[in-house]
Amino acid sequence: MMMFDRGLVVALGMTGEGASPLLQVVPFILILGIFYFIILLPSKRKQQKVQEFLDNLKENDRVITTSGIYGQITRLNGDKVQLQIADKVRIEVSRAAIGGIQGQPPVVETANT
């Protein structure tokens, strides 16, 4: 028969009385709570901020795309944005490709940062 130190047995939760099931679940709940507040909540807030920015775009805004193209919005059409990037040169890009307003910090982070 193996002999265990009483302190080790109590630390491992192998007492004769049996531990409460609620007490065994508490560490998992704490880990999930920490995960939510440190990772998921800030990510959700940032996503809401980006979506609000994209929804508030309007014609004549001077923007920069996530790929670094500067232009002025000439038309908004659902998920598409038409940019004038030079005289008589217009391109269509996805609304999600707009990274920010020229002269302001980017709202959408590019993959390089």
PDB file of N, CA and C in Angstrom:
ATOM      1  N   MET A   1       0.842  -1.175   0.000  1.00  0.00           N
ATOM      2  CA  MET A   1       0.000   0.000   0.000  1.00  0.00           C
ATOM      3  C   MET A   1       0.883   1.232   0.000  1.00  0.00           C
ATOM      4  N   MET A   2       0.535   2.211  -0.822  1.00  0.00           N
ATOM      5  CA  MET A   2       1.336   3.432  -0.952  1.00  0.00           C
ATOM      6  C   MET A   2       1.016   4.389   0.175  1.00  0.00           C
ATOM      7  N   MET A   3       2.034   5.081   0.617  1.00  0.00           N
ATOM      8  CA  MET A   3       1.866   6.070   1.673  1.00  0.00           C
ATOM      9  C   MET A   3       1.992   7.454   1.051  1.00  0.00           C
ATOM     10  N   PHE A   4       1.044   8.327   1.308  1.00  0.00           N
ATOM     11  CA  PHE A   4       1.062   9.701   0.815  1.00  0.00           C
ATOM     12  C   PHE A   4       1.149  10.658   1.979  1.00  0.00           C
ATOM     13  N   ASP A   5       1.831  11.736   1.748  1.00  0.00           N
ATOM     14  CA  ASP A   5       1.861  12.825   2.711  1.00  0.00           C
ATOM     15  C   ASP A   5       0.471  13.463   2.724  1.00  0.00           C
ATOM     16  N   ARG A   6      -0.081  13.734   3.883  1.00  0.00           N
ATOM     17  CA  ARG A   6      -1.440  14.285   3.981  1.00  0.00           C
ATOM     18  C   ARG A   6      -1.554  15.615   3.236  1.00  0.00           C
ATOM     19  N   GLY A   7      -0.521  16.452   3.245  1.00  0.00           N
ATOM     20  CA  GLY A   7      -0.557  17.736   2.533  1.00  0.00           C
ATOM     21  C   GLY A   7      -0.664  17.542   1.032  1.00  0.00           C
ATOM     22  N   LEU A   8       0.035  16.545   0.504  1.00  0.00           N
ATOM     23  CA  LEU A   8      -0.025  16.253  -0.927  1.00  0.00           C
ATOM     24  C   LEU A   8      -1.409  15.742  -1.305  1.00  0.00           C
ATOM     25  N   VAL A   9      -1.973  14.911  -0.487  1.00  0.00           N
ATOM     26  CA  VAL A   9      -3.302  14.349  -0.760  1.00  0.00           C
ATOM     27  C   VAL A   9      -4.346  15.461  -0.778  1.00  0.00           C
ATOM     28  N   VAL A  10      -4.276  16.383   0.166  1.00  0.00           N
ATOM     29  CA  VAL A  10      -5.235  17.487   0.219  1.00  0.00           C
ATOM     30  C   VAL A  10      -5.026  18.411  -0.982  1.00  0.00           C
ATOM     31  N   ALA A  11      -3.787  18.672  -1.352  1.00  0.00           N
ATOM     32  CA  ALA A  11      -3.502  19.553  -2.485  1.00  0.00           C
ATOM     33  C   ALA A  11      -4.014  18.972  -3.795  1.00  0.00           C
ATOM     34  N   LEU A  12      -4.001  17.658  -3.923  1.00  0.00           N
ATOM     35  CA  LEU A  12      -4.487  17.017  -5.138  1.00  0.00           C
ATOM     36  C   LEU A  12      -6.002  16.850  -5.132  1.00  0.00           C
ATOM     37  N   GLY A  13      -6.641  17.187  -4.037  1.00  0.00           N
ATOM     38  CA  GLY A  13      -8.090  17.075  -3.956  1.00  0.00           C
ATOM     39  C   GLY A  13      -8.574  15.658  -3.760  1.00  0.00           C
ATOM     40  N   MET A  14      -7.745  14.795  -3.191  1.00  0.00           N
ATOM     41  CA  MET A  14      -8.127  13.393  -3.016  1.00  0.00           C
ATOM     42  C   MET A  14      -8.480  13.123  -1.560  1.00  0.00           C
ATOM     43  N   THR A  15      -9.227  14.012  -0.964  1.00  0.00           N
ATOM     44  CA  THR A  15      -9.597  13.798   0.428  1.00  0.00           C
ATOM     45  C   THR A  15     -10.727  12.787   0.506  1.00  0.00           C
ATOM     46  N   GLY A  16     -10.888  12.217   1.627  1.00  0.00           N
ATOM     47  CA  GLY A  16     -11.913  11.202   1.811  1.00  0.00           C
ATOM     48  C   GLY A  16     -13.317  11.786   1.791  1.00  0.00           C
ATOM     49  N   GLU A  17     -13.446  13.063   2.137  1.00  0.00           N
ATOM     50  CA  GLU A  17     -14.777  13.656   2.213  1.00  0.00           C
ATOM     51  C   GLU A  17     -15.363  13.866   0.817  1.00  0.00           C
ATOM     52  N   GLY A  18     -14.523  14.016  -0.209  1.00  0.00           N
ATOM     53  CA  GLY A  18     -15.006  14.297  -1.567  1.00  0.00           C
ATOM     54  C   GLY A  18     -15.192  15.800  -1.739  1.00  0.00           C
ATOM     55  N   ALA A  19     -14.690  16.319  -2.808  1.00  0.00           N
ATOM     56  CA  ALA A  19     -14.779  17.752  -3.056  1.00  0.00           C
ATOM     57  C   ALA A  19     -16.109  18.084  -3.709  1.00  0.00           C
ATOM     58  N   SER A  20     -16.553  19.277  -3.467  1.00  0.00           N
ATOM     59  CA  SER A  20     -17.807  19.740  -4.041  1.00  0.00           C
ATOM     60  C   SER A  20     -17.665  19.873  -5.564  1.00  0.00           C
ATOM     61  N   PRO A  21     -18.638  19.408  -6.333  1.00  0.00           N
ATOM     62  CA  PRO A  21     -18.563  19.546  -7.792  1.00  0.00           C
ATOM     63  C   PRO A  21     -18.467  21.008  -8.224  1.00  0.00           C
ATOM     64  N   LEU A  22     -19.120  21.889  -7.485  1.00  0.00           N
ATOM     65  CA  LEU A  22     -19.052  23.323  -7.803  1.00  0.00           C
ATOM     66  C   LEU A  22     -17.627  23.833  -7.638  1.00  0.00           C
ATOM     67  N   LEU A  23     -16.938  23.383  -6.616  1.00  0.00           N
ATOM     68  CA  LEU A  23     -15.571  23.798  -6.364  1.00  0.00           C
ATOM     69  C   LEU A  23     -14.631  23.327  -7.470  1.00  0.00           C
ATOM     70  N   GLN A  24     -14.940  22.211  -8.096  1.00  0.00           N
ATOM     71  CA  GLN A  24     -14.113  21.698  -9.183  1.00  0.00           C
ATOM     72  C   GLN A  24     -14.329  22.477 -10.475  1.00  0.00           C
ATOM     73  N   VAL A  25     -15.484  23.101 -10.647  1.00  0.00           N
ATOM     74  CA  VAL A  25     -15.825  23.829 -11.868  1.00  0.00           C
ATOM     75  C   VAL A  25     -15.342  25.278 -11.817  1.00  0.00           C
ATOM     76  N   VAL A  26     -15.144  25.825 -10.636  1.00  0.00           N
ATOM     77  CA  VAL A  26     -14.761  27.232 -10.475  1.00  0.00           C
ATOM     78  C   VAL A  26     -13.507  27.615 -11.274  1.00  0.00           C
ATOM     79  N   PRO A  27     -12.428  26.848 -11.262  1.00  0.00           N
ATOM     80  CA  PRO A  27     -11.255  27.245 -12.049  1.00  0.00           C
ATOM     81  C   PRO A  27     -11.551  27.362 -13.557  1.00  0.00           C
ATOM     82  N   PHE A  28     -12.370  26.475 -14.074  1.00  0.00           N
ATOM     83  CA  PHE A  28     -12.714  26.538 -15.497  1.00  0.00           C
ATOM     84  C   PHE A  28     -13.538  27.786 -15.798  1.00  0.00           C
ATOM     85  N   ILE A  29     -14.457  28.133 -14.918  1.00  0.00           N
ATOM     86  CA  ILE A  29     -15.262  29.338 -15.098  1.00  0.00           C
ATOM     87  C   ILE A  29     -14.364  30.568 -15.053  1.00  0.00           C
ATOM     88  N   LEU A  30     -13.413  30.596 -14.141  1.00  0.00           N
ATOM     89  CA  LEU A  30     -12.487  31.726 -14.055  1.00  0.00           C
ATOM     90  C   LEU A  30     -11.640  31.855 -15.323  1.00  0.00           C
ATOM     91  N   ILE A  31     -11.173  30.747 -15.838  1.00  0.00           N
ATOM     92  CA  ILE A  31     -10.366  30.775 -17.067  1.00  0.00           C
ATOM     93  C   ILE A  31     -11.196  31.287 -18.235  1.00  0.00           C
ATOM     94  N   LEU A  32     -12.425  30.818 -18.369  1.00  0.00           N
ATOM     95  CA  LEU A  32     -13.310  31.297 -19.437  1.00  0.00           C
ATOM     96  C   LEU A  32     -13.604  32.785 -19.296  1.00  0.00           C
ATOM     97  N   GLY A  33     -13.820  33.244 -18.068  1.00  0.00           N
ATOM     98  CA  GLY A  33     -14.069  34.670 -17.825  1.00  0.00           C
ATOM     99  C   GLY A  33     -12.873  35.524 -18.209  1.00  0.00           C
ATOM    100  N   ILE A  34     -11.693  35.101 -17.823  1.00  0.00           N
ATOM    101  CA  ILE A  34     -10.472  35.834 -18.175  1.00  0.00           C
ATOM    102  C   ILE A  34     -10.285  35.841 -19.686  1.00  0.00           C
ATOM    103  N   PHE A  35     -10.492  34.712 -20.338  1.00  0.00           N
ATOM    104  CA  PHE A  35     -10.380  34.616 -21.799  1.00  0.00           C
ATOM    105  C   PHE A  35     -11.342  35.592 -22.464  1.00  0.00           C
ATOM    106  N   TYR A  36     -12.574  35.663 -21.974  1.00  0.00           N
ATOM    107  CA  TYR A  36     -13.571  36.562 -22.564  1.00  0.00           C
ATOM    108  C   TYR A  36     -13.150  38.017 -22.429  1.00  0.00           C
ATOM    109  N   PHE A  37     -12.745  38.439 -21.233  1.00  0.00           N
ATOM    110  CA  PHE A  37     -12.439  39.847 -20.997  1.00  0.00           C
ATOM    111  C   PHE A  37     -11.113  40.289 -21.603  1.00  0.00           C
ATOM    112  N   ILE A  38     -10.167  39.387 -21.772  1.00  0.00           N
ATOM    113  CA  ILE A  38      -8.862  39.772 -22.313  1.00  0.00           C
ATOM    114  C   ILE A  38      -8.811  39.646 -23.828  1.00  0.00           C
ATOM    115  N   ILE A  39      -9.487  38.670 -24.405  1.00  0.00           N
ATOM    116  CA  ILE A  39      -9.366  38.420 -25.840  1.00  0.00           C
ATOM    117  C   ILE A  39     -10.641  38.760 -26.608  1.00  0.00           C
ATOM    118  N   LEU A  40     -11.761  38.211 -26.230  1.00  0.00           N
ATOM    119  CA  LEU A  40     -12.977  38.350 -27.030  1.00  0.00           C
ATOM    120  C   LEU A  40     -13.607  39.740 -26.963  1.00  0.00           C
ATOM    121  N   LEU A  41     -13.710  40.343 -25.798  1.00  0.00           N
ATOM    122  CA  LEU A  41     -14.363  41.636 -25.659  1.00  0.00           C
ATOM    123  C   LEU A  41     -13.631  42.750 -26.412  1.00  0.00           C
ATOM    124  N   PRO A  42     -12.297  42.893 -26.284  1.00  0.00           N
ATOM    125  CA  PRO A  42     -11.610  43.934 -27.070  1.00  0.00           C
ATOM    126  C   PRO A  42     -11.728  43.701 -28.574  1.00  0.00           C
ATOM    127  N   SER A  43     -11.690  42.443 -28.993  1.00  0.00           N
ATOM    128  CA  SER A  43     -11.820  42.136 -30.413  1.00  0.00           C
ATOM    129  C   SER A  43     -13.204  42.532 -30.920  1.00  0.00           C
ATOM    130  N   LYS A  44     -14.216  42.263 -30.138  1.00  0.00           N
ATOM    131  CA  LYS A  44     -15.588  42.611 -30.512  1.00  0.00           C
ATOM    132  C   LYS A  44     -15.750  44.130 -30.597  1.00  0.00           C
ATOM    133  N   ARG A  45     -15.180  44.863 -29.660  1.00  0.00           N
ATOM    134  CA  ARG A  45     -15.264  46.328 -29.686  1.00  0.00           C
ATOM    135  C   ARG A  45     -14.565  46.903 -30.910  1.00  0.00           C
ATOM    136  N   LYS A  46     -13.403  46.365 -31.250  1.00  0.00           N
ATOM    137  CA  LYS A  46     -12.673  46.839 -32.420  1.00  0.00           C
ATOM    138  C   LYS A  46     -13.460  46.562 -33.697  1.00  0.00           C
ATOM    139  N   GLN A  47     -14.063  45.395 -33.782  1.00  0.00           N
ATOM    140  CA  GLN A  47     -14.863  45.042 -34.954  1.00  0.00           C
ATOM    141  C   GLN A  47     -16.062  45.982 -35.083  1.00  0.00           C
ATOM    142  N   GLN A  48     -16.698  46.347 -33.979  1.00  0.00           N
ATOM    143  CA  GLN A  48     -17.815  47.281 -34.015  1.00  0.00           C
ATOM    144  C   GLN A  48     -17.360  48.664 -34.473  1.00  0.00           C
ATOM    145  N   LYS A  49     -16.178  49.090 -34.020  1.00  0.00           N
ATOM    146  CA  LYS A  49     -15.634  50.384 -34.407  1.00  0.00           C
ATOM    147  C   LYS A  49     -15.365  50.426 -35.917  1.00  0.00           C
ATOM    148  N   VAL A  50     -14.784  49.357 -36.455  1.00  0.00           N
ATOM    149  CA  VAL A  50     -14.496  49.287 -37.888  1.00  0.00           C
ATOM    150  C   VAL A  50     -15.799  49.291 -38.685  1.00  0.00           C
ATOM    151  N   GLN A  51     -16.785  48.527 -38.248  1.00  0.00           N
ATOM    152  CA  GLN A  51     -18.061  48.465 -38.960  1.00  0.00           C
ATOM    153  C   GLN A  51     -18.753  49.825 -38.939  1.00  0.00           C
ATOM    154  N   GLU A  52     -18.692  50.525 -37.816  1.00  0.00           N
ATOM    155  CA  GLU A  52     -19.282  51.866 -37.716  1.00  0.00           C
ATOM    156  C   GLU A  52     -18.583  52.824 -38.683  1.00  0.00           C
ATOM    157  N   PHE A  53     -17.255  52.745 -38.778  1.00  0.00           N
ATOM    158  CA  PHE A  53     -16.499  53.579 -39.711  1.00  0.00           C
ATOM    159  C   PHE A  53     -16.932  53.312 -41.147  1.00  0.00           C
ATOM    160  N   LEU A  54     -17.024  52.037 -41.526  1.00  0.00           N
ATOM    161  CA  LEU A  54     -17.390  51.680 -42.894  1.00  0.00           C
ATOM    162  C   LEU A  54     -18.822  52.098 -43.213  1.00  0.00           C
ATOM    163  N   ASP A  55     -19.712  52.020 -42.248  1.00  0.00           N
ATOM    164  CA  ASP A  55     -21.100  52.432 -42.471  1.00  0.00           C
ATOM    165  C   ASP A  55     -21.236  53.944 -42.635  1.00  0.00           C
ATOM    166  N   ASN A  56     -20.312  54.712 -42.054  1.00  0.00           N
ATOM    167  CA  ASN A  56     -20.390  56.169 -42.102  1.00  0.00           C
ATOM    168  C   ASN A  56     -19.619  56.786 -43.266  1.00  0.00           C
ATOM    169  N   LEU A  57     -19.084  55.985 -44.168  1.00  0.00           N
ATOM    170  CA  LEU A  57     -18.397  56.539 -45.339  1.00  0.00           C
ATOM    171  C   LEU A  57     -19.394  57.290 -46.205  1.00  0.00           C
ATOM    172  N   LYS A  58     -18.926  58.381 -46.816  1.00  0.00           N
ATOM    173  CA  LYS A  58     -19.800  59.144 -47.698  1.00  0.00           C
ATOM    174  C   LYS A  58     -19.001  59.643 -48.892  1.00  0.00           C
ATOM    175  N   GLU A  59     -19.706  60.084 -49.919  1.00  0.00           N
ATOM    176  CA  GLU A  59     -19.044  60.585 -51.121  1.00  0.00           C
ATOM    177  C   GLU A  59     -18.169  61.786 -50.776  1.00  0.00           C
ATOM    178  N   ASN A  60     -17.107  61.950 -51.542  1.00  0.00           N
ATOM    179  CA  ASN A  60     -16.097  63.014 -51.401  1.00  0.00           C
ATOM    180  C   ASN A  60     -15.169  62.828 -50.212  1.00  0.00           C
ATOM    181  N   ASP A  61     -15.289  61.728 -49.473  1.00  0.00           N
ATOM    182  CA  ASP A  61     -14.304  61.428 -48.425  1.00  0.00           C
ATOM    183  C   ASP A  61     -12.994  61.038 -49.101  1.00  0.00           C
ATOM    184  N   ARG A  62     -11.891  61.542 -48.589  1.00  0.00           N
ATOM    185  CA  ARG A  62     -10.572  61.182 -49.098  1.00  0.00           C
ATOM    186  C   ARG A  62     -10.059  60.054 -48.206  1.00  0.00           C
ATOM    187  N   VAL A  63      -9.880  58.874 -48.808  1.00  0.00           N
ATOM    188  CA  VAL A  63      -9.577  57.669 -48.037  1.00  0.00           C
ATOM    189  C   VAL A  63      -8.307  57.005 -48.542  1.00  0.00           C
ATOM    190  N   ILE A  64      -7.847  56.050 -47.771  1.00  0.00           N
ATOM    191  CA  ILE A  64      -6.741  55.183 -48.171  1.00  0.00           C
ATOM    192  C   ILE A  64      -7.204  53.747 -47.970  1.00  0.00           C
ATOM    193  N   THR A  65      -6.879  52.890 -48.934  1.00  0.00           N
ATOM    194  CA  THR A  65      -7.275  51.491 -48.824  1.00  0.00           C
ATOM    195  C   THR A  65      -6.253  50.730 -47.983  1.00  0.00           C
ATOM    196  N   THR A  66      -6.589  49.520 -47.635  1.00  0.00           N
ATOM    197  CA  THR A  66      -5.669  48.693 -46.845  1.00  0.00           C
ATOM    198  C   THR A  66      -4.438  48.304 -47.648  1.00  0.00           C
ATOM    199  N   SER A  67      -4.523  48.424 -48.972  1.00  0.00           N
ATOM    200  CA  SER A  67      -3.357  48.115 -49.809  1.00  0.00           C
ATOM    201  C   SER A  67      -2.533  49.352 -50.122  1.00  0.00           C
ATOM    202  N   GLY A  68      -2.946  50.525 -49.610  1.00  0.00           N
ATOM    203  CA  GLY A  68      -2.147  51.734 -49.752  1.00  0.00           C
ATOM    204  C   GLY A  68      -2.536  52.640 -50.907  1.00  0.00           C
ATOM    205  N   ILE A  69      -3.693  52.453 -51.505  1.00  0.00           N
ATOM    206  CA  ILE A  69      -4.140  53.309 -52.601  1.00  0.00           C
ATOM    207  C   ILE A  69      -4.906  54.491 -52.026  1.00  0.00           C
ATOM    208  N   TYR A  70      -4.477  55.693 -52.395  1.00  0.00           N
ATOM    209  CA  TYR A  70      -5.155  56.909 -51.971  1.00  0.00           C
ATOM    210  C   TYR A  70      -6.188  57.291 -53.011  1.00  0.00           C
ATOM    211  N   GLY A  71      -7.338  57.764 -52.558  1.00  0.00           N
ATOM    212  CA  GLY A  71      -8.358  58.178 -53.503  1.00  0.00           C
ATOM    213  C   GLY A  71      -9.488  58.909 -52.823  1.00  0.00           C
ATOM    214  N   GLN A  72     -10.410  59.389 -53.659  1.00  0.00           N
ATOM    215  CA  GLN A  72     -11.586  60.103 -53.166  1.00  0.00           C
ATOM    216  C   GLN A  72     -12.817  59.296 -53.569  1.00  0.00           C
ATOM    217  N   ILE A  73     -13.720  59.114 -52.636  1.00  0.00           N
ATOM    218  CA  ILE A  73     -14.923  58.338 -52.913  1.00  0.00           C
ATOM    219  C   ILE A  73     -15.821  59.139 -53.850  1.00  0.00           C
ATOM    220  N   THR A  74     -16.191  58.525 -54.982  1.00  0.00           N
ATOM    221  CA  THR A  74     -17.102  59.177 -55.922  1.00  0.00           C
ATOM    222  C   THR A  74     -18.478  58.524 -55.926  1.00  0.00           C
ATOM    223  N   ARG A  75     -18.551  57.261 -55.485  1.00  0.00           N
ATOM    224  CA  ARG A  75     -19.854  56.590 -55.440  1.00  0.00           C
ATOM    225  C   ARG A  75     -19.805  55.436 -54.452  1.00  0.00           C
ATOM    226  N   LEU A  76     -20.897  55.289 -53.721  1.00  0.00           N
ATOM    227  CA  LEU A  76     -21.071  54.161 -52.801  1.00  0.00           C
ATOM    228  C   LEU A  76     -22.211  53.311 -53.339  1.00  0.00           C
ATOM    229  N   ASN A  77     -21.976  52.011 -53.456  1.00  0.00           N
ATOM    230  CA  ASN A  77     -22.989  51.118 -53.994  1.00  0.00           C
ATOM    231  C   ASN A  77     -22.961  49.811 -53.197  1.00  0.00           C
ATOM    232  N   GLY A  78     -23.677  49.774 -52.088  1.00  0.00           N
ATOM    233  CA  GLY A  78     -23.703  48.564 -51.255  1.00  0.00           C
ATOM    234  C   GLY A  78     -22.325  48.251 -50.692  1.00  0.00           C
ATOM    235  N   ASP A  79     -21.773  47.103 -51.088  1.00  0.00           N
ATOM    236  CA  ASP A  79     -20.453  46.697 -50.599  1.00  0.00           C
ATOM    237  C   ASP A  79     -19.325  47.197 -51.482  1.00  0.00           C
ATOM    238  N   LYS A  80     -19.656  47.938 -52.536  1.00  0.00           N
ATOM    239  CA  LYS A  80     -18.633  48.466 -53.446  1.00  0.00           C
ATOM    240  C   LYS A  80     -18.470  49.968 -53.245  1.00  0.00           C
ATOM    241  N   VAL A  81     -17.246  50.426 -53.434  1.00  0.00           N
ATOM    242  CA  VAL A  81     -16.924  51.844 -53.359  1.00  0.00           C
ATOM    243  C   VAL A  81     -16.133  52.205 -54.605  1.00  0.00           C
ATOM    244  N   GLN A  82     -16.540  53.286 -55.254  1.00  0.00           N
ATOM    245  CA  GLN A  82     -15.786  53.754 -56.415  1.00  0.00           C
ATOM    246  C   GLN A  82     -14.864  54.876 -55.951  1.00  0.00           C
ATOM    247  N   LEU A  83     -13.574  54.711 -56.241  1.00  0.00           N
ATOM    248  CA  LEU A  83     -12.563  55.695 -55.856  1.00  0.00           C
ATOM    249  C   LEU A  83     -12.001  56.352 -57.097  1.00  0.00           C
ATOM    250  N   GLN A  84     -11.810  57.660 -57.021  1.00  0.00           N
ATOM    251  CA  GLN A  84     -11.079  58.371 -58.058  1.00  0.00           C
ATOM    252  C   GLN A  84      -9.653  58.507 -57.539  1.00  0.00           C
ATOM    253  N   ILE A  85      -8.717  57.858 -58.248  1.00  0.00           N
ATOM    254  CA  ILE A  85      -7.338  57.844 -57.775  1.00  0.00           C
ATOM    255  C   ILE A  85      -6.450  58.800 -58.570  1.00  0.00           C
ATOM    256  N   ALA A  86      -6.936  59.289 -59.711  1.00  0.00           N
ATOM    257  CA  ALA A  86      -6.246  60.277 -60.539  1.00  0.00           C
ATOM    258  C   ALA A  86      -7.302  60.898 -61.451  1.00  0.00           C
ATOM    259  N   ASP A  87      -6.918  61.924 -62.209  1.00  0.00           N
ATOM    260  CA  ASP A  87      -7.862  62.527 -63.140  1.00  0.00           C
ATOM    261  C   ASP A  87      -8.364  61.475 -64.116  1.00  0.00           C
ATOM    262  N   LYS A  88      -9.664  61.320 -64.175  1.00  0.00           N
ATOM    263  CA  LYS A  88     -10.337  60.395 -65.089  1.00  0.00           C
ATOM    264  C   LYS A  88      -9.956  58.934 -64.863  1.00  0.00           C
ATOM    265  N   VAL A  89      -9.463  58.618 -63.683  1.00  0.00           N
ATOM    266  CA  VAL A  89      -9.132  57.225 -63.349  1.00  0.00           C
ATOM    267  C   VAL A  89      -9.927  56.848 -62.097  1.00  0.00           C
ATOM    268  N   ARG A  90     -10.857  55.912 -62.293  1.00  0.00           N
ATOM    269  CA  ARG A  90     -11.690  55.466 -61.179  1.00  0.00           C
ATOM    270  C   ARG A  90     -11.609  53.949 -61.077  1.00  0.00           C
ATOM    271  N   ILE A  91     -11.580  53.481 -59.854  1.00  0.00           N
ATOM    272  CA  ILE A  91     -11.550  52.038 -59.611  1.00  0.00           C
ATOM    273  C   ILE A  91     -12.646  51.697 -58.622  1.00  0.00           C
ATOM    274  N   GLU A  92     -13.095  50.455 -58.666  1.00  0.00           N
ATOM    275  CA  GLU A  92     -14.051  49.961 -57.689  1.00  0.00           C
ATOM    276  C   GLU A  92     -13.328  49.016 -56.739  1.00  0.00           C
ATOM    277  N   VAL A  93     -13.558  49.227 -55.462  1.00  0.00           N
ATOM    278  CA  VAL A  93     -12.975  48.359 -54.441  1.00  0.00           C
ATOM    279  C   VAL A  93     -14.076  47.955 -53.467  1.00  0.00           C
ATOM    280  N   SER A  94     -13.817  46.941 -52.724  1.00  0.00           N
ATOM    281  CA  SER A  94     -14.741  46.512 -51.683  1.00  0.00           C
ATOM    282  C   SER A  94     -14.761  47.552 -50.569  1.00  0.00           C
ATOM    283  N   ARG A  95     -15.919  47.746 -49.978  1.00  0.00           N
ATOM    284  CA  ARG A  95     -16.026  48.688 -48.859  1.00  0.00           C
ATOM    285  C   ARG A  95     -15.088  48.261 -47.721  1.00  0.00           C
ATOM    286  N   ALA A  96     -14.926  46.959 -47.550  1.00  0.00           N
ATOM    287  CA  ALA A  96     -14.059  46.451 -46.482  1.00  0.00           C
ATOM    288  C   ALA A  96     -12.584  46.754 -46.740  1.00  0.00           C
ATOM    289  N   ALA A  97     -12.234  47.146 -47.986  1.00  0.00           N
ATOM    290  CA  ALA A  97     -10.845  47.460 -48.319  1.00  0.00           C
ATOM    291  C   ALA A  97     -10.454  48.876 -47.909  1.00  0.00           C
ATOM    292  N   ILE A  98     -11.410  49.672 -47.459  1.00  0.00           N
ATOM    293  CA  ILE A  98     -11.098  51.029 -47.020  1.00  0.00           C
ATOM    294  C   ILE A  98     -10.502  50.939 -45.623  1.00  0.00           C
ATOM    295  N   GLY A  99      -9.275  51.454 -45.482  1.00  0.00           N
ATOM    296  CA  GLY A  99      -8.565  51.340 -44.213  1.00  0.00           C
ATOM    297  C   GLY A  99      -8.688  52.542 -43.315  1.00  0.00           C
ATOM    298  N   GLY A 100      -8.984  53.721 -43.888  1.00  0.00           N
ATOM    299  CA  GLY A 100      -9.101  54.911 -43.065  1.00  0.00           C
ATOM    300  C   GLY A 100      -9.220  56.160 -43.910  1.00  0.00           C
ATOM    301  N   ILE A 101      -9.382  57.259 -43.224  1.00  0.00           N
ATOM    302  CA  ILE A 101      -9.452  58.570 -43.858  1.00  0.00           C
ATOM    303  C   ILE A 101      -8.028  59.106 -43.980  1.00  0.00           C
ATOM    304  N   GLN A 102      -7.732  59.760 -45.111  1.00  0.00           N
ATOM    305  CA  GLN A 102      -6.383  60.310 -45.314  1.00  0.00           C
ATOM    306  C   GLN A 102      -6.074  61.321 -44.218  1.00  0.00           C
ATOM    307  N   GLY A 103      -4.860  61.234 -43.687  1.00  0.00           N
ATOM    308  CA  GLY A 103      -4.409  62.164 -42.657  1.00  0.00           C
ATOM    309  C   GLY A 103      -4.788  61.757 -41.248  1.00  0.00           C
ATOM    310  N   GLN A 104      -5.498  60.662 -41.088  1.00  0.00           N
ATOM    311  CA  GLN A 104      -5.886  60.171 -39.765  1.00  0.00           C
ATOM    312  C   GLN A 104      -5.316  58.776 -39.557  1.00  0.00           C
ATOM    313  N   PRO A 105      -5.183  58.338 -38.327  1.00  0.00           N
ATOM    314  CA  PRO A 105      -4.682  56.976 -38.088  1.00  0.00           C
ATOM    315  C   PRO A 105      -5.627  55.954 -38.721  1.00  0.00           C
ATOM    316  N   PRO A 106      -5.089  54.839 -39.209  1.00  0.00           N
ATOM    317  CA  PRO A 106      -5.937  53.829 -39.848  1.00  0.00           C
ATOM    318  C   PRO A 106      -6.914  53.200 -38.869  1.00  0.00           C
ATOM    319  N   VAL A 107      -8.114  52.947 -39.351  1.00  0.00           N
ATOM    320  CA  VAL A 107      -9.121  52.280 -38.543  1.00  0.00           C
ATOM    321  C   VAL A 107      -8.956  50.782 -38.651  1.00  0.00           C
ATOM    322  N   VAL A 108      -8.689  50.302 -39.869  1.00  0.00           N
ATOM    323  CA  VAL A 108      -8.497  48.887 -40.130  1.00  0.00           C
ATOM    324  C   VAL A 108      -7.010  48.619 -40.137  1.00  0.00           C
ATOM    325  N   GLU A 109      -6.575  47.649 -39.325  1.00  0.00           N
ATOM    326  CA  GLU A 109      -5.155  47.316 -39.293  1.00  0.00           C
ATOM    327  C   GLU A 109      -4.821  46.408 -40.454  1.00  0.00           C
ATOM    328  N   THR A 110      -3.722  46.688 -41.129  1.00  0.00           N
ATOM    329  CA  THR A 110      -3.292  45.834 -42.232  1.00  0.00           C
ATOM    330  C   THR A 110      -2.556  44.622 -41.678  1.00  0.00           C
ATOM    331  N   ALA A 111      -2.323  43.645 -42.521  1.00  0.00           N
ATOM    332  CA  ALA A 111      -1.657  42.412 -42.091  1.00  0.00           C
ATOM    333  C   ALA A 111      -0.194  42.642 -41.722  1.00  0.00           C
ATOM    334  N   ASN A 112       0.412  43.729 -42.194  1.00  0.00           N
ATOM    335  CA  ASN A 112       1.817  44.011 -41.928  1.00  0.00           C
ATOM    336  C   ASN A 112       2.068  44.510 -40.523  1.00  0.00           C
ATOM    337  N   THR A 113       1.056  45.067 -39.846  1.00  0.00           N
ATOM    338  CA  THR A 113       1.266  45.651 -38.522  1.00  0.00           C
ATOM    339  C   THR A 113       0.995  44.698 -37.420  1.00  0.00           C
TER     340      THR A 113
END
